[in-house]
Amino acid sequence: MLQTGDCLLIETNPNGYGHIQFHLFILILIYQKEIIYTIIVPVETLRSPKHDRTTVLKPGCHEFITKDSYINYRRAKITPVSDLQQHVDDGDMKVKSPFNEAILQRVCDGILKSQFTPTDVRELYQDYLYGNF
């Protein structure tokens, strides 16, 4: 069963050369009545001064991070955890080791700090934090 802090390697768009790309996503589980949702946020390579610097990760902070990276809150999404679990069970997504607690907390804090977090993601996380379910 997937848990908060778990990381998934998810196939994303092909690059300009037609090669399939994979991105690391961090899961933050939100329990709402009978349904367990997750906010998934991608980790991407930091290449531009325009990238969101709310949460920057350095090489070595996780086995998958080999270059300066950032959490791309703009691409954060909400999805039922059951959907992700089905993709993992089918082999479409690969589970990677979780981030440590300190980094996970920075990622969670960034949901509310980043100006790029989608409104629905921000509101769900705020509701979760303040017990508004």
N, C-alpha and C. Protein backbone atom coordinates (compact mmCIF):
# COMPACT_ATOMS: atom_id res chain seq x y z
N MET A 1 0.84 -1.20 0.00
CA MET A 1 0.00 0.00 0.00
C MET A 1 0.88 1.25 0.00
N LEU A 2 0.54 2.19 -0.83
CA LEU A 2 1.29 3.43 -0.93
C LEU A 2 1.08 4.28 0.32
N GLN A 3 2.13 5.05 0.68
CA GLN A 3 2.08 5.88 1.87
C GLN A 3 2.62 7.27 1.57
N THR A 4 2.32 8.21 2.45
CA THR A 4 2.86 9.56 2.31
C THR A 4 4.39 9.48 2.30
N GLY A 5 4.98 10.20 1.38
CA GLY A 5 6.44 10.22 1.26
C GLY A 5 6.98 9.25 0.23
N ASP A 6 6.16 8.26 -0.15
CA ASP A 6 6.61 7.33 -1.19
C ASP A 6 6.85 8.10 -2.49
N CYS A 7 7.72 7.57 -3.30
CA CYS A 7 8.03 8.17 -4.58
C CYS A 7 7.68 7.20 -5.69
N LEU A 8 7.13 7.74 -6.75
CA LEU A 8 6.80 6.94 -7.93
C LEU A 8 7.56 7.47 -9.13
N LEU A 9 8.06 6.56 -9.93
CA LEU A 9 8.66 6.92 -11.20
C LEU A 9 7.56 6.74 -12.24
N ILE A 10 7.15 7.86 -12.84
CA ILE A 10 5.99 7.85 -13.74
C ILE A 10 6.42 8.29 -15.13
N GLU A 11 5.97 7.54 -16.13
CA GLU A 11 6.25 7.90 -17.52
C GLU A 11 5.49 9.17 -17.86
N THR A 12 6.22 10.13 -18.43
CA THR A 12 5.59 11.38 -18.84
C THR A 12 5.77 11.55 -20.34
N ASN A 13 5.61 12.72 -20.85
CA ASN A 13 5.67 12.98 -22.29
C ASN A 13 7.00 12.58 -22.89
N PRO A 14 6.98 12.15 -24.15
CA PRO A 14 8.26 11.94 -24.85
C PRO A 14 8.99 13.27 -24.99
N ASN A 15 10.31 13.22 -24.99
CA ASN A 15 11.07 14.45 -25.20
C ASN A 15 11.06 14.81 -26.68
N GLY A 16 11.78 15.84 -27.06
CA GLY A 16 11.79 16.32 -28.44
C GLY A 16 12.30 15.29 -29.44
N TYR A 17 12.98 14.26 -28.96
CA TYR A 17 13.52 13.22 -29.84
C TYR A 17 12.64 11.98 -29.87
N GLY A 18 11.47 12.04 -29.21
CA GLY A 18 10.55 10.91 -29.18
C GLY A 18 10.86 9.87 -28.12
N HIS A 19 11.85 10.13 -27.26
CA HIS A 19 12.17 9.19 -26.19
C HIS A 19 11.23 9.40 -25.00
N ILE A 20 10.77 8.31 -24.44
CA ILE A 20 9.90 8.38 -23.27
C ILE A 20 10.71 8.93 -22.10
N GLN A 21 10.11 9.83 -21.34
CA GLN A 21 10.75 10.38 -20.16
C GLN A 21 10.04 9.88 -18.92
N PHE A 22 10.79 9.78 -17.84
CA PHE A 22 10.22 9.41 -16.55
C PHE A 22 10.53 10.53 -15.57
N HIS A 23 9.58 10.82 -14.70
CA HIS A 23 9.80 11.80 -13.65
C HIS A 23 9.47 11.16 -12.31
N LEU A 24 10.17 11.63 -11.30
CA LEU A 24 9.92 11.18 -9.94
C LEU A 24 8.82 12.05 -9.35
N PHE A 25 7.82 11.43 -8.74
CA PHE A 25 6.72 12.13 -8.09
C PHE A 25 6.70 11.73 -6.62
N ILE A 26 6.40 12.68 -5.77
CA ILE A 26 6.27 12.43 -4.33
C ILE A 26 4.79 12.39 -4.00
N LEU A 27 4.39 11.46 -3.15
CA LEU A 27 3.00 11.31 -2.75
C LEU A 27 2.76 11.89 -1.36
N ILE A 28 1.67 12.62 -1.24
CA ILE A 28 1.21 13.14 0.04
C ILE A 28 -0.23 12.71 0.17
N LEU A 29 -0.51 11.74 1.06
CA LEU A 29 -1.84 11.18 1.18
C LEU A 29 -2.75 12.07 2.02
N ILE A 30 -3.99 12.18 1.57
CA ILE A 30 -5.01 12.97 2.24
C ILE A 30 -6.21 12.04 2.47
N TYR A 31 -6.59 11.89 3.72
CA TYR A 31 -7.72 11.02 4.04
C TYR A 31 -8.98 11.86 4.14
N GLN A 32 -9.96 11.55 3.29
CA GLN A 32 -11.21 12.30 3.28
C GLN A 32 -12.35 11.29 3.29
N LYS A 33 -12.94 11.11 4.44
CA LYS A 33 -14.01 10.13 4.63
C LYS A 33 -13.52 8.75 4.21
N GLU A 34 -14.21 8.10 3.27
CA GLU A 34 -13.82 6.74 2.87
C GLU A 34 -12.77 6.72 1.77
N ILE A 35 -12.53 7.87 1.14
CA ILE A 35 -11.61 7.91 0.00
C ILE A 35 -10.26 8.44 0.46
N ILE A 36 -9.21 7.81 -0.02
CA ILE A 36 -7.87 8.31 0.25
C ILE A 36 -7.37 8.94 -1.05
N TYR A 37 -7.15 10.24 -1.00
CA TYR A 37 -6.60 10.96 -2.13
C TYR A 37 -5.11 11.12 -1.93
N THR A 38 -4.43 11.42 -2.98
CA THR A 38 -3.04 11.80 -2.85
C THR A 38 -2.78 13.03 -3.69
N ILE A 39 -1.97 13.89 -3.14
CA ILE A 39 -1.42 14.99 -3.92
C ILE A 39 -0.10 14.44 -4.45
N ILE A 40 0.09 14.47 -5.74
CA ILE A 40 1.38 14.06 -6.30
C ILE A 40 2.06 15.29 -6.88
N VAL A 41 3.33 15.42 -6.55
CA VAL A 41 4.11 16.56 -7.03
C VAL A 41 5.39 16.04 -7.67
N PRO A 42 5.71 16.55 -8.86
CA PRO A 42 6.89 16.07 -9.56
C PRO A 42 8.17 16.76 -9.11
N VAL A 43 9.25 16.00 -9.19
CA VAL A 43 10.60 16.51 -8.98
C VAL A 43 11.21 16.68 -10.37
N GLU A 44 11.75 17.84 -10.66
CA GLU A 44 12.32 18.10 -11.98
C GLU A 44 13.69 18.75 -11.84
N THR A 45 14.50 18.61 -12.86
CA THR A 45 15.84 19.20 -12.86
C THR A 45 15.73 20.71 -12.91
N LEU A 46 16.50 21.37 -12.07
CA LEU A 46 16.52 22.83 -12.01
C LEU A 46 17.44 23.34 -13.11
N ARG A 47 16.84 23.97 -14.12
CA ARG A 47 17.62 24.40 -15.29
C ARG A 47 17.51 25.89 -15.57
N SER A 48 16.52 26.54 -15.00
CA SER A 48 16.25 27.92 -15.36
C SER A 48 16.02 28.77 -14.11
N PRO A 49 16.43 30.03 -14.16
CA PRO A 49 16.13 30.92 -13.04
C PRO A 49 14.63 31.16 -12.86
N LYS A 50 13.84 30.81 -13.87
CA LYS A 50 12.39 31.00 -13.79
C LYS A 50 11.69 29.87 -13.03
N HIS A 51 12.39 28.76 -12.78
CA HIS A 51 11.77 27.64 -12.07
C HIS A 51 11.45 28.02 -10.63
N ASP A 52 10.40 27.44 -10.12
CA ASP A 52 9.95 27.66 -8.74
C ASP A 52 11.04 27.19 -7.78
N ARG A 53 11.52 28.07 -6.94
CA ARG A 53 12.60 27.73 -6.00
C ARG A 53 12.08 27.56 -4.57
N THR A 54 10.79 27.31 -4.43
CA THR A 54 10.23 27.11 -3.10
C THR A 54 10.90 25.93 -2.41
N THR A 55 11.07 24.83 -3.12
CA THR A 55 11.72 23.65 -2.56
C THR A 55 12.75 23.14 -3.55
N VAL A 56 14.01 23.43 -3.28
CA VAL A 56 15.13 22.98 -4.11
C VAL A 56 15.79 21.80 -3.42
N LEU A 57 16.10 20.79 -4.20
CA LEU A 57 16.74 19.58 -3.69
C LEU A 57 18.13 19.44 -4.29
N LYS A 58 19.08 19.06 -3.47
CA LYS A 58 20.47 18.92 -3.89
C LYS A 58 20.78 17.45 -4.21
N PRO A 59 21.75 17.24 -5.10
CA PRO A 59 22.15 15.87 -5.40
C PRO A 59 22.52 15.11 -4.12
N GLY A 60 22.11 13.86 -4.09
CA GLY A 60 22.42 13.01 -2.95
C GLY A 60 21.37 12.98 -1.86
N CYS A 61 20.36 13.86 -1.94
CA CYS A 61 19.32 13.85 -0.91
C CYS A 61 18.36 12.67 -1.11
N HIS A 62 18.45 12.04 -2.26
CA HIS A 62 17.64 10.86 -2.60
C HIS A 62 18.40 10.12 -3.68
N GLU A 63 18.24 8.83 -3.74
CA GLU A 63 18.97 8.02 -4.73
C GLU A 63 18.74 8.47 -6.17
N PHE A 64 17.60 9.08 -6.44
CA PHE A 64 17.24 9.47 -7.80
C PHE A 64 17.73 10.88 -8.15
N ILE A 65 18.09 11.67 -7.16
CA ILE A 65 18.47 13.07 -7.39
C ILE A 65 19.97 13.15 -7.62
N THR A 66 20.36 13.43 -8.88
CA THR A 66 21.79 13.52 -9.22
C THR A 66 22.18 14.93 -9.67
N LYS A 67 21.19 15.81 -9.83
CA LYS A 67 21.43 17.20 -10.22
C LYS A 67 20.55 18.09 -9.34
N ASP A 68 20.90 19.37 -9.25
CA ASP A 68 20.00 20.28 -8.54
C ASP A 68 18.60 20.13 -9.13
N SER A 69 17.62 19.99 -8.27
CA SER A 69 16.24 19.73 -8.69
C SER A 69 15.29 20.60 -7.88
N TYR A 70 14.05 20.64 -8.35
CA TYR A 70 13.05 21.42 -7.62
C TYR A 70 11.72 20.69 -7.66
N ILE A 71 10.86 21.04 -6.72
CA ILE A 71 9.51 20.51 -6.72
C ILE A 71 8.68 21.43 -7.60
N ASN A 72 8.07 20.88 -8.64
CA ASN A 72 7.28 21.66 -9.58
C ASN A 72 5.83 21.68 -9.11
N TYR A 73 5.56 22.60 -8.17
CA TYR A 73 4.22 22.70 -7.60
C TYR A 73 3.17 23.04 -8.65
N ARG A 74 3.56 23.69 -9.72
CA ARG A 74 2.62 24.03 -10.79
C ARG A 74 1.95 22.76 -11.34
N ARG A 75 2.67 21.64 -11.33
CA ARG A 75 2.15 20.38 -11.89
C ARG A 75 1.60 19.44 -10.82
N ALA A 76 1.40 19.94 -9.60
CA ALA A 76 0.81 19.11 -8.54
C ALA A 76 -0.62 18.75 -8.92
N LYS A 77 -1.00 17.52 -8.61
CA LYS A 77 -2.34 17.04 -8.96
C LYS A 77 -2.92 16.24 -7.80
N ILE A 78 -4.24 16.13 -7.81
CA ILE A 78 -4.96 15.32 -6.84
C ILE A 78 -5.51 14.10 -7.57
N THR A 79 -5.33 12.93 -6.98
CA THR A 79 -5.86 11.71 -7.59
C THR A 79 -6.15 10.70 -6.48
N PRO A 80 -7.15 9.84 -6.67
CA PRO A 80 -7.38 8.79 -5.67
C PRO A 80 -6.15 7.86 -5.61
N VAL A 81 -5.74 7.52 -4.42
CA VAL A 81 -4.56 6.67 -4.27
C VAL A 81 -4.82 5.29 -4.89
N SER A 82 -6.07 4.87 -4.94
CA SER A 82 -6.40 3.57 -5.54
C SER A 82 -6.01 3.52 -7.01
N ASP A 83 -6.15 4.65 -7.72
CA ASP A 83 -5.76 4.70 -9.13
C ASP A 83 -4.25 4.50 -9.28
N LEU A 84 -3.49 5.18 -8.43
CA LEU A 84 -2.03 5.03 -8.49
C LEU A 84 -1.61 3.62 -8.11
N GLN A 85 -2.26 3.07 -7.08
CA GLN A 85 -1.93 1.71 -6.65
C GLN A 85 -2.18 0.72 -7.78
N GLN A 86 -3.25 0.93 -8.54
CA GLN A 86 -3.55 0.04 -9.67
C GLN A 86 -2.45 0.12 -10.72
N HIS A 87 -1.96 1.32 -11.01
CA HIS A 87 -0.86 1.48 -11.97
C HIS A 87 0.41 0.80 -11.48
N VAL A 88 0.67 0.89 -10.18
CA VAL A 88 1.84 0.21 -9.60
C VAL A 88 1.67 -1.30 -9.73
N ASP A 89 0.48 -1.79 -9.37
CA ASP A 89 0.21 -3.23 -9.46
C ASP A 89 0.32 -3.74 -10.90
N ASP A 90 -0.08 -2.91 -11.86
CA ASP A 90 0.00 -3.28 -13.28
C ASP A 90 1.40 -3.14 -13.86
N GLY A 91 2.30 -2.52 -13.10
CA GLY A 91 3.68 -2.34 -13.56
C GLY A 91 3.90 -1.08 -14.39
N ASP A 92 2.88 -0.22 -14.46
CA ASP A 92 2.99 1.02 -15.25
C ASP A 92 3.81 2.09 -14.53
N MET A 93 3.86 2.01 -13.21
CA MET A 93 4.61 2.96 -12.38
C MET A 93 5.50 2.17 -11.44
N LYS A 94 6.67 2.72 -11.16
CA LYS A 94 7.61 2.03 -10.28
C LYS A 94 7.76 2.80 -8.98
N VAL A 95 7.70 2.07 -7.86
CA VAL A 95 7.88 2.67 -6.55
C VAL A 95 9.38 2.80 -6.28
N LYS A 96 9.79 3.98 -5.86
CA LYS A 96 11.17 4.24 -5.48
C LYS A 96 11.20 4.54 -3.98
N SER A 97 12.38 4.54 -3.41
CA SER A 97 12.49 4.78 -1.97
C SER A 97 11.94 6.16 -1.62
N PRO A 98 11.37 6.29 -0.41
CA PRO A 98 10.80 7.58 0.00
C PRO A 98 11.90 8.58 0.37
N PHE A 99 11.52 9.84 0.37
CA PHE A 99 12.41 10.88 0.87
C PHE A 99 12.40 10.81 2.39
N ASN A 100 13.45 11.33 3.01
CA ASN A 100 13.47 11.33 4.48
C ASN A 100 12.44 12.33 4.99
N GLU A 101 12.16 12.24 6.28
CA GLU A 101 11.10 13.04 6.90
C GLU A 101 11.33 14.54 6.76
N ALA A 102 12.56 14.99 6.88
CA ALA A 102 12.86 16.43 6.80
C ALA A 102 12.55 16.98 5.40
N ILE A 103 12.93 16.25 4.38
CA ILE A 103 12.66 16.71 3.01
C ILE A 103 11.17 16.63 2.72
N LEU A 104 10.53 15.57 3.18
CA LEU A 104 9.09 15.44 2.98
C LEU A 104 8.37 16.63 3.62
N GLN A 105 8.80 17.05 4.80
CA GLN A 105 8.17 18.20 5.45
C GLN A 105 8.37 19.47 4.63
N ARG A 106 9.55 19.65 4.06
CA ARG A 106 9.81 20.81 3.20
C ARG A 106 8.88 20.80 1.98
N VAL A 107 8.69 19.61 1.40
CA VAL A 107 7.80 19.47 0.24
C VAL A 107 6.36 19.84 0.63
N CYS A 108 5.91 19.33 1.76
CA CYS A 108 4.55 19.62 2.23
C CYS A 108 4.38 21.11 2.53
N ASP A 109 5.35 21.71 3.21
CA ASP A 109 5.29 23.14 3.52
C ASP A 109 5.21 23.97 2.25
N GLY A 110 5.90 23.52 1.22
CA GLY A 110 5.93 24.24 -0.05
C GLY A 110 4.59 24.30 -0.75
N ILE A 111 3.71 23.35 -0.47
CA ILE A 111 2.38 23.37 -1.08
C ILE A 111 1.68 24.69 -0.77
N LEU A 112 1.82 25.16 0.45
CA LEU A 112 1.18 26.41 0.85
C LEU A 112 2.04 27.64 0.54
N LYS A 113 3.36 27.46 0.45
CA LYS A 113 4.25 28.59 0.21
C LYS A 113 4.37 28.97 -1.26
N SER A 114 4.33 28.01 -2.14
CA SER A 114 4.55 28.29 -3.56
C SER A 114 3.38 29.05 -4.16
N GLN A 115 3.70 30.08 -4.92
CA GLN A 115 2.67 30.83 -5.62
C GLN A 115 2.12 30.07 -6.82
N PHE A 116 2.77 28.96 -7.17
CA PHE A 116 2.39 28.20 -8.37
C PHE A 116 1.47 27.01 -8.07
N THR A 117 1.25 26.70 -6.79
CA THR A 117 0.40 25.56 -6.44
C THR A 117 -1.01 25.79 -6.94
N PRO A 118 -1.59 24.83 -7.67
CA PRO A 118 -2.98 24.99 -8.13
C PRO A 118 -3.93 25.16 -6.94
N THR A 119 -4.96 25.95 -7.14
CA THR A 119 -5.90 26.28 -6.07
C THR A 119 -6.53 25.05 -5.46
N ASP A 120 -6.95 24.08 -6.27
CA ASP A 120 -7.60 22.89 -5.72
C ASP A 120 -6.65 22.09 -4.82
N VAL A 121 -5.38 22.04 -5.19
CA VAL A 121 -4.38 21.33 -4.39
C VAL A 121 -4.16 22.06 -3.08
N ARG A 122 -3.99 23.37 -3.15
CA ARG A 122 -3.78 24.18 -1.95
C ARG A 122 -4.97 24.04 -0.98
N GLU A 123 -6.19 24.12 -1.53
CA GLU A 123 -7.38 24.05 -0.68
C GLU A 123 -7.54 22.67 -0.04
N LEU A 124 -7.29 21.61 -0.78
CA LEU A 124 -7.38 20.27 -0.21
C LEU A 124 -6.36 20.09 0.91
N TYR A 125 -5.14 20.56 0.68
CA TYR A 125 -4.11 20.42 1.70
C TYR A 125 -4.43 21.26 2.94
N GLN A 126 -4.93 22.47 2.74
CA GLN A 126 -5.33 23.30 3.88
C GLN A 126 -6.45 22.63 4.67
N ASP A 127 -7.46 22.12 3.97
CA ASP A 127 -8.56 21.42 4.63
C ASP A 127 -8.04 20.25 5.44
N TYR A 128 -7.10 19.52 4.87
CA TYR A 128 -6.51 18.37 5.56
C TYR A 128 -5.77 18.82 6.82
N LEU A 129 -4.96 19.86 6.69
CA LEU A 129 -4.16 20.33 7.83
C LEU A 129 -5.04 20.82 8.97
N TYR A 130 -6.13 21.48 8.62
CA TYR A 130 -6.97 22.10 9.65
C TYR A 130 -8.21 21.27 9.98
N GLY A 131 -8.25 20.02 9.49
CA GLY A 131 -9.32 19.09 9.86
C GLY A 131 -10.69 19.50 9.38
N ASN A 132 -10.76 20.11 8.22
CA ASN A 132 -12.04 20.58 7.69
C ASN A 132 -12.76 19.54 6.83
N PHE A 133 -12.70 18.29 7.22
CA PHE A 133 -13.40 17.25 6.44
C PHE A 133 -14.64 16.83 7.17
